[in-house]
Amino acid sequence: MTRLDRLIGRLELKEFQLKALLDVTKAINTNVGRASLLALYRDIVRDELGITRLMLFEKTARWECILAYGTSGRDTDVDVE
């Protein structure tokens, strides 16, 4: 791989990162709801990054799975501590 190829690859990665950040920033600035932000996050992670399985947990009073795909239903009962 030539130096130019590596630079082009890095540039494409940075463009993707900036686009994803801009999409999230716009969503936050337009006060979209939590469900829409989670859907945007899921789309970026699944469709753009190609991640096939994800579980996102949030801790309020207890840990709760707030986003999951590519996993079986029983996987959402994981003890994360």
PDB file of N, CA and C in Angstrom:
ATOM      1  N   MET A   1       0.849  -1.166   0.000  1.00  0.00           N
ATOM      2  CA  MET A   1       0.000   0.000   0.000  1.00  0.00           C
ATOM      3  C   MET A   1       0.901   1.238   0.000  1.00  0.00           C
ATOM      4  N   THR A   2       0.621   2.138  -0.884  1.00  0.00           N
ATOM      5  CA  THR A   2       1.443   3.340  -0.993  1.00  0.00           C
ATOM      6  C   THR A   2       1.040   4.363   0.071  1.00  0.00           C
ATOM      7  N   ARG A   3       1.889   5.314   0.236  1.00  0.00           N
ATOM      8  CA  ARG A   3       1.609   6.380   1.203  1.00  0.00           C
ATOM      9  C   ARG A   3       0.345   7.129   0.807  1.00  0.00           C
ATOM     10  N   LEU A   4       0.169   7.355  -0.484  1.00  0.00           N
ATOM     11  CA  LEU A   4      -1.024   8.042  -0.969  1.00  0.00           C
ATOM     12  C   LEU A   4      -2.282   7.244  -0.619  1.00  0.00           C
ATOM     13  N   ASP A   5      -2.244   5.927  -0.792  1.00  0.00           N
ATOM     14  CA  ASP A   5      -3.394   5.084  -0.450  1.00  0.00           C
ATOM     15  C   ASP A   5      -3.727   5.188   1.038  1.00  0.00           C
ATOM     16  N   ARG A   6      -2.693   5.192   1.876  1.00  0.00           N
ATOM     17  CA  ARG A   6      -2.920   5.316   3.324  1.00  0.00           C
ATOM     18  C   ARG A   6      -3.528   6.674   3.660  1.00  0.00           C
ATOM     19  N   LEU A   7      -3.040   7.713   3.020  1.00  0.00           N
ATOM     20  CA  LEU A   7      -3.578   9.052   3.267  1.00  0.00           C
ATOM     21  C   LEU A   7      -5.028   9.161   2.813  1.00  0.00           C
ATOM     22  N   ILE A   8      -5.337   8.570   1.683  1.00  0.00           N
ATOM     23  CA  ILE A   8      -6.715   8.582   1.191  1.00  0.00           C
ATOM     24  C   ILE A   8      -7.620   7.828   2.158  1.00  0.00           C
ATOM     25  N   GLY A   9      -7.162   6.694   2.654  1.00  0.00           N
ATOM     26  CA  GLY A   9      -7.935   5.928   3.628  1.00  0.00           C
ATOM     27  C   GLY A   9      -8.186   6.718   4.904  1.00  0.00           C
ATOM     28  N   ARG A  10      -7.163   7.397   5.385  1.00  0.00           N
ATOM     29  CA  ARG A  10      -7.316   8.216   6.592  1.00  0.00           C
ATOM     30  C   ARG A  10      -8.273   9.372   6.350  1.00  0.00           C
ATOM     31  N   LEU A  11      -8.197   9.981   5.172  1.00  0.00           N
ATOM     32  CA  LEU A  11      -9.094  11.073   4.827  1.00  0.00           C
ATOM     33  C   LEU A  11     -10.540  10.590   4.787  1.00  0.00           C
ATOM     34  N   GLU A  12     -10.773   9.432   4.185  1.00  0.00           N
ATOM     35  CA  GLU A  12     -12.128   8.883   4.123  1.00  0.00           C
ATOM     36  C   GLU A  12     -12.665   8.580   5.518  1.00  0.00           C
ATOM     37  N   LEU A  13     -11.819   8.064   6.396  1.00  0.00           N
ATOM     38  CA  LEU A  13     -12.234   7.794   7.769  1.00  0.00           C
ATOM     39  C   LEU A  13     -12.602   9.090   8.475  1.00  0.00           C
ATOM     40  N   LYS A  14     -11.792  10.116   8.326  1.00  0.00           N
ATOM     41  CA  LYS A  14     -12.073  11.403   8.969  1.00  0.00           C
ATOM     42  C   LYS A  14     -13.355  12.014   8.425  1.00  0.00           C
ATOM     43  N   GLU A  15     -13.594  11.887   7.123  1.00  0.00           N
ATOM     44  CA  GLU A  15     -14.836  12.394   6.545  1.00  0.00           C
ATOM     45  C   GLU A  15     -16.040  11.671   7.136  1.00  0.00           C
ATOM     46  N   PHE A  16     -15.935  10.350   7.288  1.00  0.00           N
ATOM     47  CA  PHE A  16     -17.017   9.584   7.896  1.00  0.00           C
ATOM     48  C   PHE A  16     -17.251  10.038   9.330  1.00  0.00           C
ATOM     49  N   GLN A  17     -16.183  10.198  10.103  1.00  0.00           N
ATOM     50  CA  GLN A  17     -16.312  10.606  11.499  1.00  0.00           C
ATOM     51  C   GLN A  17     -16.969  11.980  11.608  1.00  0.00           C
ATOM     52  N   LEU A  18     -16.562  12.907  10.754  1.00  0.00           N
ATOM     53  CA  LEU A  18     -17.150  14.246  10.782  1.00  0.00           C
ATOM     54  C   LEU A  18     -18.619  14.219  10.388  1.00  0.00           C
ATOM     55  N   LYS A  19     -18.969  13.415   9.393  1.00  0.00           N
ATOM     56  CA  LYS A  19     -20.368  13.313   8.974  1.00  0.00           C
ATOM     57  C   LYS A  19     -21.225  12.734  10.091  1.00  0.00           C
ATOM     58  N   ALA A  20     -20.743  11.692  10.745  1.00  0.00           N
ATOM     59  CA  ALA A  20     -21.491  11.082  11.846  1.00  0.00           C
ATOM     60  C   ALA A  20     -21.661  12.081  12.988  1.00  0.00           C
ATOM     61  N   LEU A  21     -20.593  12.794  13.323  1.00  0.00           N
ATOM     62  CA  LEU A  21     -20.663  13.791  14.383  1.00  0.00           C
ATOM     63  C   LEU A  21     -21.630  14.910  14.016  1.00  0.00           C
ATOM     64  N   LEU A  22     -21.610  15.349  12.768  1.00  0.00           N
ATOM     65  CA  LEU A  22     -22.523  16.389  12.315  1.00  0.00           C
ATOM     66  C   LEU A  22     -23.968  15.912  12.398  1.00  0.00           C
ATOM     67  N   ASP A  23     -24.234  14.685  11.988  1.00  0.00           N
ATOM     68  CA  ASP A  23     -25.592  14.141  12.058  1.00  0.00           C
ATOM     69  C   ASP A  23     -26.104  14.121  13.495  1.00  0.00           C
ATOM     70  N   VAL A  24     -25.276  13.671  14.417  1.00  0.00           N
ATOM     71  CA  VAL A  24     -25.677  13.616  15.826  1.00  0.00           C
ATOM     72  C   VAL A  24     -25.866  15.030  16.375  1.00  0.00           C
ATOM     73  N   THR A  25     -24.960  15.938  16.039  1.00  0.00           N
ATOM     74  CA  THR A  25     -25.061  17.317  16.511  1.00  0.00           C
ATOM     75  C   THR A  25     -26.333  17.978  16.010  1.00  0.00           C
ATOM     76  N   LYS A  26     -26.654  17.788  14.741  1.00  0.00           N
ATOM     77  CA  LYS A  26     -27.890  18.355  14.186  1.00  0.00           C
ATOM     78  C   LYS A  26     -29.109  17.792  14.902  1.00  0.00           C
ATOM     79  N   ALA A  27     -29.092  16.500  15.165  1.00  0.00           N
ATOM     80  CA  ALA A  27     -30.219  15.876  15.855  1.00  0.00           C
ATOM     81  C   ALA A  27     -30.386  16.460  17.255  1.00  0.00           C
ATOM     82  N   ILE A  28     -29.291  16.638  17.959  1.00  0.00           N
ATOM     83  CA  ILE A  28     -29.357  17.213  19.307  1.00  0.00           C
ATOM     84  C   ILE A  28     -29.853  18.653  19.245  1.00  0.00           C
ATOM     85  N   ASN A  29     -29.343  19.431  18.295  1.00  0.00           N
ATOM     86  CA  ASN A  29     -29.723  20.843  18.182  1.00  0.00           C
ATOM     87  C   ASN A  29     -31.176  21.034  17.789  1.00  0.00           C
ATOM     88  N   THR A  30     -31.767  20.053  17.129  1.00  0.00           N
ATOM     89  CA  THR A  30     -33.186  20.158  16.771  1.00  0.00           C
ATOM     90  C   THR A  30     -34.072  19.486  17.808  1.00  0.00           C
ATOM     91  N   ASN A  31     -33.482  19.133  18.937  1.00  0.00           N
ATOM     92  CA  ASN A  31     -34.215  18.562  20.067  1.00  0.00           C
ATOM     93  C   ASN A  31     -35.001  17.311  19.714  1.00  0.00           C
ATOM     94  N   VAL A  32     -34.399  16.429  18.941  1.00  0.00           N
ATOM     95  CA  VAL A  32     -35.082  15.167  18.656  1.00  0.00           C
ATOM     96  C   VAL A  32     -35.143  14.349  19.940  1.00  0.00           C
ATOM     97  N   GLY A  33     -36.084  13.464  20.000  1.00  0.00           N
ATOM     98  CA  GLY A  33     -36.277  12.660  21.196  1.00  0.00           C
ATOM     99  C   GLY A  33     -35.220  11.580  21.354  1.00  0.00           C
ATOM    100  N   ARG A  34     -35.268  10.983  22.524  1.00  0.00           N
ATOM    101  CA  ARG A  34     -34.320   9.922  22.858  1.00  0.00           C
ATOM    102  C   ARG A  34     -34.403   8.762  21.872  1.00  0.00           C
ATOM    103  N   ALA A  35     -35.614   8.362  21.517  1.00  0.00           N
ATOM    104  CA  ALA A  35     -35.789   7.237  20.592  1.00  0.00           C
ATOM    105  C   ALA A  35     -35.145   7.537  19.242  1.00  0.00           C
ATOM    106  N   SER A  36     -35.279   8.765  18.774  1.00  0.00           N
ATOM    107  CA  SER A  36     -34.679   9.145  17.491  1.00  0.00           C
ATOM    108  C   SER A  36     -33.158   9.180  17.573  1.00  0.00           C
ATOM    109  N   LEU A  37     -32.620   9.664  18.691  1.00  0.00           N
ATOM    110  CA  LEU A  37     -31.162   9.667  18.864  1.00  0.00           C
ATOM    111  C   LEU A  37     -30.614   8.247  18.915  1.00  0.00           C
ATOM    112  N   LEU A  38     -31.315   7.360  19.611  1.00  0.00           N
ATOM    113  CA  LEU A  38     -30.876   5.964  19.666  1.00  0.00           C
ATOM    114  C   LEU A  38     -30.960   5.312  18.289  1.00  0.00           C
ATOM    115  N   ALA A  39     -31.998   5.646  17.530  1.00  0.00           N
ATOM    116  CA  ALA A  39     -32.126   5.101  16.177  1.00  0.00           C
ATOM    117  C   ALA A  39     -30.992   5.606  15.289  1.00  0.00           C
ATOM    118  N   LEU A  40     -30.645   6.873  15.420  1.00  0.00           N
ATOM    119  CA  LEU A  40     -29.532   7.435  14.650  1.00  0.00           C
ATOM    120  C   LEU A  40     -28.228   6.740  15.019  1.00  0.00           C
ATOM    121  N   TYR A  41     -27.994   6.547  16.308  1.00  0.00           N
ATOM    122  CA  TYR A  41     -26.798   5.849  16.780  1.00  0.00           C
ATOM    123  C   TYR A  41     -26.751   4.434  16.216  1.00  0.00           C
ATOM    124  N   ARG A  42     -27.882   3.735  16.295  1.00  0.00           N
ATOM    125  CA  ARG A  42     -27.964   2.369  15.767  1.00  0.00           C
ATOM    126  C   ARG A  42     -27.646   2.347  14.272  1.00  0.00           C
ATOM    127  N   ASP A  43     -28.212   3.277  13.527  1.00  0.00           N
ATOM    128  CA  ASP A  43     -27.977   3.315  12.082  1.00  0.00           C
ATOM    129  C   ASP A  43     -26.506   3.564  11.756  1.00  0.00           C
ATOM    130  N   ILE A  44     -25.881   4.472  12.473  1.00  0.00           N
ATOM    131  CA  ILE A  44     -24.462   4.755  12.232  1.00  0.00           C
ATOM    132  C   ILE A  44     -23.621   3.529  12.543  1.00  0.00           C
ATOM    133  N   VAL A  45     -23.869   2.927  13.705  1.00  0.00           N
ATOM    134  CA  VAL A  45     -23.067   1.781  14.138  1.00  0.00           C
ATOM    135  C   VAL A  45     -23.304   0.566  13.243  1.00  0.00           C
ATOM    136  N   ARG A  46     -24.564   0.293  12.928  1.00  0.00           N
ATOM    137  CA  ARG A  46     -24.891  -0.904  12.149  1.00  0.00           C
ATOM    138  C   ARG A  46     -24.620  -0.709  10.658  1.00  0.00           C
ATOM    139  N   ASP A  47     -25.169   0.352  10.099  1.00  0.00           N
ATOM    140  CA  ASP A  47     -25.117   0.519   8.643  1.00  0.00           C
ATOM    141  C   ASP A  47     -23.789   1.096   8.157  1.00  0.00           C
ATOM    142  N   GLU A  48     -23.266   2.064   8.873  1.00  0.00           N
ATOM    143  CA  GLU A  48     -22.035   2.712   8.427  1.00  0.00           C
ATOM    144  C   GLU A  48     -20.781   1.965   8.881  1.00  0.00           C
ATOM    145  N   LEU A  49     -20.795   1.492  10.134  1.00  0.00           N
ATOM    146  CA  LEU A  49     -19.613   0.800  10.661  1.00  0.00           C
ATOM    147  C   LEU A  49     -19.661  -0.701  10.445  1.00  0.00           C
ATOM    148  N   GLY A  50     -20.841  -1.230  10.137  1.00  0.00           N
ATOM    149  CA  GLY A  50     -20.968  -2.659   9.866  1.00  0.00           C
ATOM    150  C   GLY A  50     -20.917  -3.536  11.104  1.00  0.00           C
ATOM    151  N   ILE A  51     -21.217  -2.976  12.263  1.00  0.00           N
ATOM    152  CA  ILE A  51     -21.237  -3.766  13.498  1.00  0.00           C
ATOM    153  C   ILE A  51     -22.545  -4.541  13.534  1.00  0.00           C
ATOM    154  N   THR A  52     -22.450  -5.860  13.636  1.00  0.00           N
ATOM    155  CA  THR A  52     -23.635  -6.709  13.485  1.00  0.00           C
ATOM    156  C   THR A  52     -24.358  -7.018  14.785  1.00  0.00           C
ATOM    157  N   ARG A  53     -23.708  -6.820  15.918  1.00  0.00           N
ATOM    158  CA  ARG A  53     -24.350  -7.066  17.215  1.00  0.00           C
ATOM    159  C   ARG A  53     -24.005  -5.931  18.172  1.00  0.00           C
ATOM    160  N   LEU A  54     -25.019  -5.472  18.886  1.00  0.00           N
ATOM    161  CA  LEU A  54     -24.795  -4.372  19.815  1.00  0.00           C
ATOM    162  C   LEU A  54     -25.787  -4.453  20.960  1.00  0.00           C
ATOM    163  N   MET A  55     -25.292  -4.175  22.142  1.00  0.00           N
ATOM    164  CA  MET A  55     -26.147  -3.990  23.312  1.00  0.00           C
ATOM    165  C   MET A  55     -25.646  -2.735  24.020  1.00  0.00           C
ATOM    166  N   LEU A  56     -26.532  -1.764  24.206  1.00  0.00           N
ATOM    167  CA  LEU A  56     -26.183  -0.511  24.867  1.00  0.00           C
ATOM    168  C   LEU A  56     -26.972  -0.436  26.167  1.00  0.00           C
ATOM    169  N   PHE A  57     -26.245  -0.296  27.276  1.00  0.00           N
ATOM    170  CA  PHE A  57     -26.875  -0.261  28.592  1.00  0.00           C
ATOM    171  C   PHE A  57     -26.791   1.138  29.180  1.00  0.00           C
ATOM    172  N   GLU A  58     -27.794   1.455  29.988  1.00  0.00           N
ATOM    173  CA  GLU A  58     -27.849   2.725  30.700  1.00  0.00           C
ATOM    174  C   GLU A  58     -28.095   2.417  32.174  1.00  0.00           C
ATOM    175  N   LYS A  59     -27.407   3.164  33.027  1.00  0.00           N
ATOM    176  CA  LYS A  59     -27.634   2.960  34.459  1.00  0.00           C
ATOM    177  C   LYS A  59     -28.380   4.155  35.026  1.00  0.00           C
ATOM    178  N   THR A  60     -29.568   3.896  35.489  1.00  0.00           N
ATOM    179  CA  THR A  60     -30.323   4.884  36.258  1.00  0.00           C
ATOM    180  C   THR A  60     -30.403   4.310  37.670  1.00  0.00           C
ATOM    181  N   ALA A  61     -31.554   3.796  38.057  1.00  0.00           N
ATOM    182  CA  ALA A  61     -31.635   3.100  39.347  1.00  0.00           C
ATOM    183  C   ALA A  61     -30.927   1.752  39.245  1.00  0.00           C
ATOM    184  N   ARG A  62     -30.985   1.163  38.057  1.00  0.00           N
ATOM    185  CA  ARG A  62     -30.301  -0.104  37.793  1.00  0.00           C
ATOM    186  C   ARG A  62     -29.888  -0.100  36.326  1.00  0.00           C
ATOM    187  N   TRP A  63     -29.061  -1.064  35.942  1.00  0.00           N
ATOM    188  CA  TRP A  63     -28.640  -1.175  34.541  1.00  0.00           C
ATOM    189  C   TRP A  63     -29.808  -1.684  33.705  1.00  0.00           C
ATOM    190  N   GLU A  64     -30.018  -1.034  32.562  1.00  0.00           N
ATOM    191  CA  GLU A  64     -31.104  -1.424  31.668  1.00  0.00           C
ATOM    192  C   GLU A  64     -30.604  -1.358  30.224  1.00  0.00           C
ATOM    193  N   CYS A  65     -30.937  -2.364  29.451  1.00  0.00           N
ATOM    194  CA  CYS A  65     -30.576  -2.374  28.034  1.00  0.00           C
ATOM    195  C   CYS A  65     -31.523  -1.440  27.293  1.00  0.00           C
ATOM    196  N   ILE A  66     -30.980  -0.393  26.673  1.00  0.00           N
ATOM    197  CA  ILE A  66     -31.822   0.577  25.977  1.00  0.00           C
ATOM    198  C   ILE A  66     -31.753   0.435  24.460  1.00  0.00           C
ATOM    199  N   LEU A  67     -30.799  -0.354  23.973  1.00  0.00           N
ATOM    200  CA  LEU A  67     -30.682  -0.584  22.536  1.00  0.00           C
ATOM    201  C   LEU A  67     -29.987  -1.914  22.325  1.00  0.00           C
ATOM    202  N   ALA A  68     -30.598  -2.758  21.522  1.00  0.00           N
ATOM    203  CA  ALA A  68     -29.985  -4.056  21.222  1.00  0.00           C
ATOM    204  C   ALA A  68     -30.422  -4.497  19.838  1.00  0.00           C
ATOM    205  N   TYR A  69     -29.495  -5.065  19.112  1.00  0.00           N
ATOM    206  CA  TYR A  69     -29.820  -5.720  17.848  1.00  0.00           C
ATOM    207  C   TYR A  69     -28.780  -6.787  17.587  1.00  0.00           C
ATOM    208  N   GLY A  70     -29.185  -7.788  16.832  1.00  0.00           N
ATOM    209  CA  GLY A  70     -28.276  -8.872  16.489  1.00  0.00           C
ATOM    210  C   GLY A  70     -28.011  -9.832  17.630  1.00  0.00           C
ATOM    211  N   THR A  71     -28.821  -9.753  18.681  1.00  0.00           N
ATOM    212  CA  THR A  71     -28.663 -10.639  19.834  1.00  0.00           C
ATOM    213  C   THR A  71     -29.994 -11.317  20.116  1.00  0.00           C
ATOM    214  N   SER A  72     -29.944 -12.397  20.868  1.00  0.00           N
ATOM    215  CA  SER A  72     -31.194 -13.040  21.263  1.00  0.00           C
ATOM    216  C   SER A  72     -31.815 -12.250  22.409  1.00  0.00           C
ATOM    217  N   GLY A  73     -33.091 -12.406  22.604  1.00  0.00           N
ATOM    218  CA  GLY A  73     -33.795 -11.668  23.643  1.00  0.00           C
ATOM    219  C   GLY A  73     -33.257 -11.917  25.031  1.00  0.00           C
ATOM    220  N   ARG A  74     -32.774 -13.114  25.305  1.00  0.00           N
ATOM    221  CA  ARG A  74     -32.296 -13.415  26.659  1.00  0.00           C
ATOM    222  C   ARG A  74     -30.975 -12.713  26.966  1.00  0.00           C
ATOM    223  N   ASP A  75     -30.276 -12.247  25.950  1.00  0.00           N
ATOM    224  CA  ASP A  75     -28.998 -11.569  26.172  1.00  0.00           C
ATOM    225  C   ASP A  75     -29.161 -10.227  26.871  1.00  0.00           C
ATOM    226  N   THR A  76     -30.351  -9.639  26.832  1.00  0.00           N
ATOM    227  CA  THR A  76     -30.549  -8.320  27.435  1.00  0.00           C
ATOM    228  C   THR A  76     -30.600  -8.377  28.955  1.00  0.00           C
ATOM    229  N   ASP A  77     -30.585  -9.559  29.544  1.00  0.00           N
ATOM    230  CA  ASP A  77     -30.609  -9.707  31.000  1.00  0.00           C
ATOM    231  C   ASP A  77     -29.211  -9.933  31.568  1.00  0.00           C
ATOM    232  N   VAL A  78     -28.206  -9.386  30.954  1.00  0.00           N
ATOM    233  CA  VAL A  78     -26.817  -9.559  31.370  1.00  0.00           C
ATOM    234  C   VAL A  78     -26.544  -8.718  32.616  1.00  0.00           C
ATOM    235  N   ASP A  79     -25.803  -9.277  33.565  1.00  0.00           N
ATOM    236  CA  ASP A  79     -25.347  -8.520  34.728  1.00  0.00           C
ATOM    237  C   ASP A  79     -24.080  -7.777  34.313  1.00  0.00           C
ATOM    238  N   VAL A  80     -24.166  -6.460  34.162  1.00  0.00           N
ATOM    239  CA  VAL A  80     -23.040  -5.700  33.629  1.00  0.00           C
ATOM    240  C   VAL A  80     -22.053  -5.263  34.702  1.00  0.00           C
ATOM    241  N   GLU A  81     -22.339  -5.557  35.952  1.00  0.00           N
ATOM    242  CA  GLU A  81     -21.396  -5.160  37.006  1.00  0.00           C
ATOM    243  C   GLU A  81     -20.546  -6.293  37.444  1.00  0.00           C
TER     244      GLU A  81
END
